[in-house]
Amino acid sequence: MSYKWLNGYQTTLSEAISSSKKLLPILDAKELAQRLGEDHSYLVINDGTGAEIIKVISYGNQVKIERGQDNTKAKAFPAGSCIKWEVTKQGITETICNKEFECSDVVGCGCKD
């Protein structure tokens, strides 16, 4: 499973979610799941009062989420909260620290930290 860049991706929550919700309730879940395929990405949920980074993984025609990524905390969000792809620290780390870039052999790269 590799990190997938989702440049320009944006949607909204179709229903409110609790801080323990494990599936992402969005109207375009099937399309996002297909776009992810076997890969994963990180999205930001923001309701104007706070934000959370989530890891998104295809789960059939739905999208499974792992909450509180990149030192954010899982929180409840109301329906209509903005969800979008943004560059995240973890996404950059996963892009740079892979075999394709051979960064893991470079002293001071941060991939071995």
Protein backbone atom coordinates (compact mmCIF):
# COMPACT_ATOMS: atom_id res chain seq x y z
CA MET A 1 0.00 0.00 0.00
CA SER A 2 1.51 3.29 -1.13
CA TYR A 3 0.70 6.91 -0.41
CA LYS A 4 -1.50 8.49 -3.08
CA TRP A 5 -1.56 12.21 -3.84
CA LEU A 6 -5.14 13.43 -4.36
CA ASN A 7 -4.43 16.91 -5.72
CA GLY A 8 -7.56 19.06 -5.76
CA TYR A 9 -9.78 16.54 -3.95
CA GLN A 10 -12.48 18.19 -1.83
CA THR A 11 -15.86 17.08 -0.47
CA THR A 12 -18.05 17.48 2.63
CA LEU A 13 -19.40 15.20 5.32
CA SER A 14 -22.88 13.98 4.39
CA GLU A 15 -23.71 13.38 8.07
CA ALA A 16 -22.26 14.23 11.46
CA ILE A 17 -19.51 11.96 12.79
CA SER A 18 -18.39 11.13 16.31
CA SER A 19 -14.73 11.01 17.31
CA SER A 20 -14.82 7.20 17.03
CA LYS A 21 -16.43 6.86 13.57
CA LYS A 22 -14.47 4.43 11.35
CA LEU A 23 -16.15 4.98 7.94
CA LEU A 24 -16.19 8.32 6.12
CA PRO A 25 -19.76 9.43 5.32
CA ILE A 26 -19.40 11.28 2.01
CA LEU A 27 -21.60 11.19 -1.08
CA ASP A 28 -18.67 10.32 -3.36
CA ALA A 29 -17.31 7.45 -1.24
CA LYS A 30 -17.43 4.96 -4.13
CA GLU A 31 -15.46 7.30 -6.41
CA LEU A 32 -12.86 8.03 -3.72
CA ALA A 33 -12.52 4.32 -2.91
CA GLN A 34 -11.91 3.58 -6.60
CA ARG A 35 -9.41 6.42 -6.88
CA LEU A 36 -7.49 5.10 -3.86
CA GLY A 37 -7.48 1.50 -5.10
CA GLU A 38 -4.91 -0.39 -3.03
CA ASP A 39 -3.28 2.85 -1.87
CA HIS A 40 -4.05 5.28 0.96
CA SER A 41 -3.93 9.02 1.52
CA TYR A 42 -4.45 11.64 4.21
CA LEU A 43 -7.33 14.13 4.25
CA VAL A 44 -8.12 17.07 6.51
CA ILE A 45 -11.58 17.50 8.05
CA ASN A 46 -12.30 21.07 9.13
CA ASP A 47 -15.48 22.55 10.60
CA GLY A 48 -14.14 26.08 11.13
CA THR A 49 -13.47 25.47 14.84
CA GLY A 50 -10.86 22.76 14.52
CA ALA A 51 -9.27 20.29 12.14
CA GLU A 52 -8.21 16.66 12.13
CA ILE A 53 -6.01 14.71 9.74
CA ILE A 54 -7.34 11.28 8.82
CA LYS A 55 -5.83 8.38 6.92
CA VAL A 56 -8.21 7.12 4.21
CA ILE A 57 -8.23 3.56 2.84
CA SER A 58 -10.52 1.95 0.29
CA TYR A 59 -12.98 -0.49 1.88
CA GLY A 60 -15.14 -1.92 -0.90
CA ASN A 61 -17.32 0.98 -2.08
CA GLN A 62 -16.72 2.83 1.18
CA VAL A 63 -13.77 4.64 2.72
CA LYS A 64 -12.31 3.46 6.03
CA ILE A 65 -10.63 6.10 8.19
CA GLU A 66 -7.92 6.05 10.82
CA ARG A 67 -8.43 9.03 13.08
CA GLY A 68 -6.06 11.56 14.64
CA GLN A 69 -3.09 11.35 12.27
CA ASP A 70 -0.06 13.67 12.28
CA ASN A 71 -0.51 14.57 15.97
CA THR A 72 -4.10 15.73 15.54
CA LYS A 73 -6.88 14.48 17.83
CA ALA A 74 -10.03 12.67 16.74
CA LYS A 75 -13.07 14.88 17.29
CA ALA A 76 -16.73 15.04 16.36
CA PHE A 77 -17.67 17.00 13.22
CA PRO A 78 -21.08 18.21 12.03
CA ALA A 79 -22.58 17.39 8.63
CA GLY A 80 -21.27 19.74 5.97
CA SER A 81 -17.75 19.92 7.41
CA CYS A 82 -15.13 20.46 4.71
CA ILE A 83 -12.88 17.54 3.78
CA LYS A 84 -9.95 18.10 1.47
CA TRP A 85 -6.60 16.74 0.47
CA GLU A 86 -3.68 18.85 1.68
CA VAL A 87 0.02 18.21 1.88
CA THR A 88 0.71 16.65 5.29
CA LYS A 89 3.90 15.81 7.14
CA GLN A 90 3.12 12.09 7.00
CA GLY A 91 2.31 12.25 3.29
CA ILE A 92 5.64 13.95 2.56
CA THR A 93 7.49 11.43 4.74
CA GLU A 94 5.87 8.52 2.90
CA THR A 95 6.62 10.08 -0.48
CA ILE A 96 10.29 10.75 0.23
CA CYS A 97 11.08 7.72 2.38
CA ASN A 98 10.41 4.97 -0.13
CA LYS A 99 12.52 2.74 -2.32
CA GLU A 100 11.76 4.77 -5.45
CA PHE A 101 13.69 7.77 -4.09
CA GLU A 102 16.30 5.71 -2.21
CA CYS A 103 16.25 8.36 0.51
CA SER A 104 16.56 5.78 3.26
CA ASP A 105 20.26 5.42 2.36
CA VAL A 106 20.97 9.15 2.72
CA VAL A 107 22.43 10.29 6.04
CA GLY A 108 20.27 12.97 7.63
CA CYS A 109 17.26 12.25 5.40
CA GLY A 110 14.99 11.72 8.39
CA CYS A 111 13.62 8.44 7.05
CA LYS A 112 15.48 6.44 9.68
CA ASP A 113 14.59 8.81 12.55
